[in-house]
């Protein structure tokens, strides 16, 4: 059966627009497979002119894996998998950093599905950066050095108690206890494509393990600046009814916080992934045994 999807690349580095699909419908397995293959190729997908309910958004995301329920952020009543991003004042200052979603857990998300419900006429764009392209641009000695390192990712880096314990310190303390710092490789192997990509971000990565404090800070600063090079990026201007679906394993994103005092309300569903690994390190460990 031939495909009805029309896929148009939107930048040389990453990103594609997909037409010919209604995400409010229950899609056949073939279409889901085509969307997955497009995601692996383009890393970020955009579906415009969609009209979906929170349940339909959740159901579409669930075709790609188990869903995450966020321990802190507000969600749609009765649909805890669907987060509300933004508030009545349009403030998203905590999102104006380069980040990957929920890397503070042992199995960070494979992807996120974001639905634009209410967006300003101007401003509030989102940028994405390809961690595959960023890694490929490094010199071979730097790639080798980083591939032997692990980094710590910590929930508290982006969720400090002075801002996120408003629902009660007891709940925040429980959440913090349930999410201690975790360890991930600085360079991870994509489990489906086999490509290498950087896996540290300003949102949750606190330090590189095995280095002293000055070395760790210097390497993180370099990487967080490196991933912002224009040739790794794409920028998307939102319209109401647009759905973005990105591969969280190989991208970072940034909300351009230039739209206040206008509102910007989006809904996100996060799809759980697997434990990050580096293929070459596993091979060496198996050989050592």
Protein backbone atom coordinates (compact mmCIF):
# COMPACT_ATOMS: atom_id res chain seq x y z
CA UNK A 1 0.00 0.00 0.00
CA UNK A 2 1.46 3.37 -1.01
CA UNK A 3 2.05 6.12 1.53
CA UNK A 4 -0.26 9.14 1.78
CA UNK A 5 2.29 11.08 3.82
CA UNK A 6 4.05 14.05 2.25
CA UNK A 7 7.36 14.77 3.95
CA UNK A 8 9.22 18.04 3.34
CA UNK A 9 12.59 18.76 4.92
CA UNK A 10 12.64 22.19 6.60
CA UNK A 11 16.37 22.69 7.27
CA UNK A 12 19.65 21.03 6.24
CA UNK A 13 20.46 19.86 9.77
CA UNK A 14 17.15 18.51 11.08
CA UNK A 15 13.39 18.88 10.91
CA UNK A 16 10.61 17.94 8.48
CA UNK A 17 6.99 18.92 7.87
CA UNK A 18 4.53 16.02 7.45
CA UNK A 19 1.25 16.43 5.59
CA UNK A 20 -1.52 14.00 4.77
CA UNK A 21 -2.26 12.68 8.26
CA UNK A 22 -4.94 13.47 10.85
CA UNK A 23 -3.57 12.80 14.34
CA UNK A 24 -7.09 12.80 15.81
CA UNK A 25 -7.73 9.46 14.10
CA UNK A 26 -6.47 6.04 15.11
CA UNK A 27 -3.71 5.55 12.56
CA UNK A 28 -2.83 2.21 10.95
CA UNK A 29 0.40 0.51 11.92
CA UNK A 30 1.90 1.28 8.51
CA UNK A 31 1.45 5.02 9.04
CA UNK A 32 2.90 4.84 12.54
CA UNK A 33 5.90 2.99 11.09
CA UNK A 34 6.38 5.67 8.44
CA UNK A 35 6.25 8.41 11.08
CA UNK A 36 8.81 6.55 13.18
CA UNK A 37 11.16 6.21 10.22
CA UNK A 38 10.74 9.90 9.41
CA UNK A 39 11.52 10.78 13.04
CA UNK A 40 14.74 8.75 12.96
CA UNK A 41 15.79 10.47 9.73
CA UNK A 42 14.77 14.07 10.49
CA UNK A 43 14.85 14.11 14.34
CA UNK A 44 11.97 16.65 14.60
CA UNK A 45 8.60 16.39 12.82
CA UNK A 46 5.85 19.00 12.44
CA UNK A 47 2.17 18.31 11.74
CA UNK A 48 0.20 21.48 11.02
CA UNK A 49 -3.56 22.18 11.09
CA UNK A 50 -4.34 19.51 13.65
CA UNK A 51 -7.30 19.57 16.03
CA UNK A 52 -6.81 17.03 18.81
CA UNK A 53 -8.09 16.51 22.32
CA UNK A 54 -5.75 15.67 25.22
CA UNK A 55 -6.88 12.04 24.99
CA UNK A 56 -6.10 11.92 21.27
CA UNK A 57 -2.68 13.47 21.85
CA UNK A 58 -1.96 10.90 24.55
CA UNK A 59 -3.18 8.03 22.38
CA UNK A 60 -1.01 9.08 19.42
CA UNK A 61 2.10 9.33 21.62
CA UNK A 62 1.34 5.95 23.22
CA UNK A 63 1.75 4.26 19.82
CA UNK A 64 5.50 4.88 20.21
CA UNK A 65 6.03 3.67 23.79
CA UNK A 66 5.09 3.94 27.44
CA UNK A 67 4.26 7.45 28.65
CA UNK A 68 5.84 9.46 31.45
CA UNK A 69 3.85 11.22 34.18
CA UNK A 70 5.77 14.26 35.38
CA UNK A 71 6.23 14.50 39.15
CA UNK A 72 6.06 18.33 39.35
CA UNK A 73 4.59 20.04 36.31
CA UNK A 74 0.80 20.63 36.05
CA UNK A 75 -1.22 18.36 33.79
CA UNK A 76 -4.67 18.23 32.21
CA UNK A 77 -7.22 17.11 34.84
CA UNK A 78 -8.04 13.46 34.27
CA UNK A 79 -5.19 13.03 31.77
CA UNK A 80 -1.97 13.09 33.84
CA UNK A 81 0.21 12.18 30.86
CA UNK A 82 -0.58 15.53 29.17
CA UNK A 83 1.40 18.41 30.68
CA UNK A 84 0.41 22.06 30.40
CA UNK A 85 3.43 24.11 29.33
CA UNK A 86 3.02 27.82 30.08
CA UNK A 87 0.60 29.69 32.31
CA UNK A 88 -1.99 32.45 32.23
CA UNK A 89 0.70 35.13 32.25
CA UNK A 90 2.62 33.58 29.39
CA UNK A 91 5.75 33.15 31.50
CA UNK A 92 8.08 30.31 30.52
CA UNK A 93 11.33 31.71 31.87
CA UNK A 94 12.36 28.26 33.10
CA UNK A 95 12.21 26.98 29.51
CA UNK A 96 14.56 29.64 28.07
CA UNK A 97 17.55 27.29 28.24
CA UNK A 98 18.85 24.56 25.97
CA UNK A 99 17.55 21.24 27.30
CA UNK A 100 16.48 17.68 26.68
CA UNK A 101 13.33 16.54 28.47
CA UNK A 102 13.45 14.58 31.74
CA UNK A 103 17.05 13.35 31.57
CA UNK A 104 16.98 13.13 35.38
CA UNK A 105 15.58 9.57 35.26
CA UNK A 106 17.33 6.28 34.46
CA UNK A 107 15.38 5.84 31.20
CA UNK A 108 15.09 9.34 29.69
CA UNK A 109 12.39 9.93 27.08
CA UNK A 110 12.72 8.69 23.52
CA UNK A 111 10.54 11.58 22.39
CA UNK A 112 8.00 14.28 23.15
CA UNK A 113 4.78 15.28 21.40
CA UNK A 114 3.94 18.99 21.81
CA UNK A 115 0.61 20.53 20.75
CA UNK A 116 0.27 24.31 20.28
CA UNK A 117 -3.00 25.37 21.86
CA UNK A 118 -2.58 29.15 22.22
CA UNK A 119 0.45 30.95 20.79
CA UNK A 120 1.33 34.62 20.26
CA UNK A 121 1.12 36.20 16.81
CA UNK A 122 4.80 37.04 17.11
CA UNK A 123 7.57 35.54 19.23
CA UNK A 124 7.67 32.34 21.25
CA UNK A 125 9.45 30.28 18.58
CA UNK A 126 11.19 27.02 19.50
CA UNK A 127 14.66 26.10 18.28
CA UNK A 128 16.05 22.57 18.05
CA UNK A 129 19.68 21.47 17.84
CA UNK A 130 20.91 18.10 16.52
CA UNK A 131 23.22 16.37 18.99
CA UNK A 132 24.26 13.99 16.20
CA UNK A 133 25.45 16.91 14.07
CA UNK A 134 27.11 18.53 17.09
CA UNK A 135 29.05 15.34 17.89
CA UNK A 136 30.03 14.75 14.27
CA UNK A 137 31.53 18.26 14.08
CA UNK A 138 33.98 17.59 16.94
CA UNK A 139 37.55 16.54 16.22
CA UNK A 140 38.34 12.81 16.54
CA UNK A 141 40.50 13.36 19.70
CA UNK A 142 37.65 15.29 21.38
CA UNK A 143 35.12 12.64 20.35
CA UNK A 144 37.33 9.93 21.87
CA UNK A 145 37.85 11.90 25.10
CA UNK A 146 34.13 12.60 25.61
CA UNK A 147 33.10 9.05 24.72
CA UNK A 148 34.85 7.74 27.82
CA UNK A 149 33.01 10.02 30.25
CA UNK A 150 29.80 9.96 32.27
CA UNK A 151 27.83 12.93 33.58
CA UNK A 152 25.43 13.48 36.45
CA UNK A 153 21.87 14.63 35.71
CA UNK A 154 19.87 16.08 38.59
CA UNK A 155 16.15 16.87 38.90
CA UNK A 156 16.88 19.76 41.31
CA UNK A 157 18.89 21.71 38.73
CA UNK A 158 15.71 22.76 36.90
CA UNK A 159 13.25 22.32 39.77
CA UNK A 160 14.50 24.32 42.77
CA UNK A 161 12.24 24.26 45.85
CA UNK A 162 11.78 28.05 46.00
CA UNK A 163 9.79 27.83 42.73
CA UNK A 164 8.42 24.31 42.60
CA UNK A 165 7.54 23.53 46.22
CA UNK A 166 4.48 25.77 46.03
CA UNK A 167 2.25 22.72 46.25
CA UNK A 168 3.78 21.83 49.60
CA UNK A 169 7.29 21.08 50.79
CA UNK A 170 6.29 17.54 51.75
CA UNK A 171 5.37 16.63 48.18
CA UNK A 172 8.49 18.31 46.81
CA UNK A 173 10.72 16.46 49.32
CA UNK A 174 9.08 13.15 48.36
CA UNK A 175 9.65 13.90 44.66
CA UNK A 176 13.27 14.85 45.29
CA UNK A 177 13.82 11.64 47.24
CA UNK A 178 12.28 9.59 44.43
CA UNK A 179 14.58 11.23 41.87
CA UNK A 180 18.18 11.22 43.12
CA UNK A 181 20.94 12.24 40.68
CA UNK A 182 21.51 9.73 37.88
CA UNK A 183 24.51 8.88 35.71
CA UNK A 184 24.44 8.91 31.89
CA UNK A 185 27.19 8.75 29.25
CA UNK A 186 28.32 12.10 27.85
CA UNK A 187 28.09 10.52 24.38
CA UNK A 188 25.28 8.03 23.78
CA UNK A 189 24.64 5.57 20.99
CA UNK A 190 21.20 5.96 19.46
CA UNK A 191 19.47 2.60 20.07
CA UNK A 192 17.74 2.58 16.66
CA UNK A 193 20.15 4.30 14.26
CA UNK A 194 23.46 3.39 15.92
CA UNK A 195 24.68 6.98 15.49
CA UNK A 196 26.57 8.77 18.29
CA UNK A 197 25.30 12.01 19.82
CA UNK A 198 26.11 14.31 22.72
CA UNK A 199 23.98 13.75 25.81
CA UNK A 200 24.54 16.63 28.24
CA UNK A 201 22.24 19.63 28.62
CA UNK A 202 21.95 22.86 30.59
CA UNK A 203 18.62 21.82 32.08
CA UNK A 204 19.74 18.82 34.12
CA UNK A 205 23.46 18.05 33.72
CA UNK A 206 25.34 19.20 36.82
CA UNK A 207 28.86 17.82 36.40
CA UNK A 208 31.06 15.44 34.46
CA UNK A 209 32.18 12.57 36.66
CA UNK A 210 35.87 11.80 37.04
CA UNK A 211 36.96 15.39 36.37
CA UNK A 212 37.71 17.99 39.01
CA UNK A 213 35.30 20.88 39.45
CA UNK A 214 37.19 23.31 37.19
CA UNK A 215 37.66 20.73 34.44
CA UNK A 216 34.02 19.66 34.60
CA UNK A 217 32.76 23.24 34.44
CA UNK A 218 35.05 24.05 31.49
CA UNK A 219 34.00 20.97 29.48
CA UNK A 220 30.29 21.53 30.16
CA UNK A 221 30.60 25.20 29.20
CA UNK A 222 32.31 24.25 25.95
CA UNK A 223 29.66 21.64 25.06
CA UNK A 224 26.71 23.85 25.98
CA UNK A 225 28.09 26.59 23.74
CA UNK A 226 29.12 24.19 20.97
CA UNK A 227 25.60 22.78 20.50
CA UNK A 228 24.31 26.29 19.73
CA UNK A 229 26.27 26.64 16.47
CA UNK A 230 23.82 27.76 13.75
CA UNK A 231 24.64 24.88 11.41
CA UNK A 232 23.19 22.40 13.94
CA UNK A 233 19.94 24.34 14.43
CA UNK A 234 16.46 24.91 13.09
CA UNK A 235 13.85 27.42 14.28
CA UNK A 236 10.09 26.90 14.18
CA UNK A 237 7.37 29.57 14.29
CA UNK A 238 4.26 28.15 15.92
CA UNK A 239 0.69 28.34 14.66
CA UNK A 240 -2.27 27.12 16.74
CA UNK A 241 -3.01 23.49 15.96
CA UNK A 242 0.58 22.50 15.18
CA UNK A 243 2.02 19.30 16.67
CA UNK A 244 5.79 18.83 17.02
CA UNK A 245 7.26 15.37 17.63
CA UNK A 246 10.98 15.21 18.40
CA UNK A 247 13.53 12.53 19.18
CA UNK A 248 14.65 13.49 22.69
CA UNK A 249 17.61 11.09 22.48
CA UNK A 250 19.39 13.13 19.83
CA UNK A 251 18.06 16.71 20.08
CA UNK A 252 17.90 19.65 22.45
CA UNK A 253 15.38 22.49 22.27
CA UNK A 254 15.07 26.08 23.40
CA UNK A 255 12.04 28.34 23.88
CA UNK A 256 12.66 31.88 22.64
CA UNK A 257 11.29 33.94 25.53
CA UNK A 258 10.44 37.09 23.53
CA UNK A 259 6.64 37.09 23.60
CA UNK A 260 5.63 38.52 26.99
CA UNK A 261 3.07 39.68 28.01
CA UNK A 262 1.25 37.49 25.46
CA UNK A 263 0.10 33.97 26.25
CA UNK A 264 1.79 30.80 25.03
CA UNK A 265 0.02 27.59 26.08
CA UNK A 266 1.13 24.19 24.80
CA UNK A 267 0.47 20.58 25.84
CA UNK A 268 3.21 17.97 26.01
CA UNK A 269 3.19 14.20 26.20
CA UNK A 270 6.52 12.50 26.91
CA UNK A 271 7.35 8.98 25.69
CA UNK A 272 9.73 6.95 27.85
CA UNK A 273 12.89 5.54 26.33
CA UNK A 274 15.68 3.19 27.36
CA UNK A 275 18.78 3.52 29.50
CA UNK A 276 21.45 5.47 27.55
CA UNK A 277 24.58 3.54 26.57
CA UNK A 278 27.71 3.90 24.49
CA UNK A 279 28.26 0.99 22.12
CA UNK A 280 32.08 1.11 22.08
CA UNK A 281 32.28 1.15 25.87
CA UNK A 282 30.00 -1.86 26.18
CA UNK A 283 32.15 -3.71 23.63
CA UNK A 284 35.31 -2.92 25.61
CA UNK A 285 33.70 -4.00 28.90
CA UNK A 286 32.56 -7.30 27.39
CA UNK A 287 36.05 -7.92 25.98
CA UNK A 288 37.59 -7.24 29.40
CA UNK A 289 35.40 -9.94 30.94
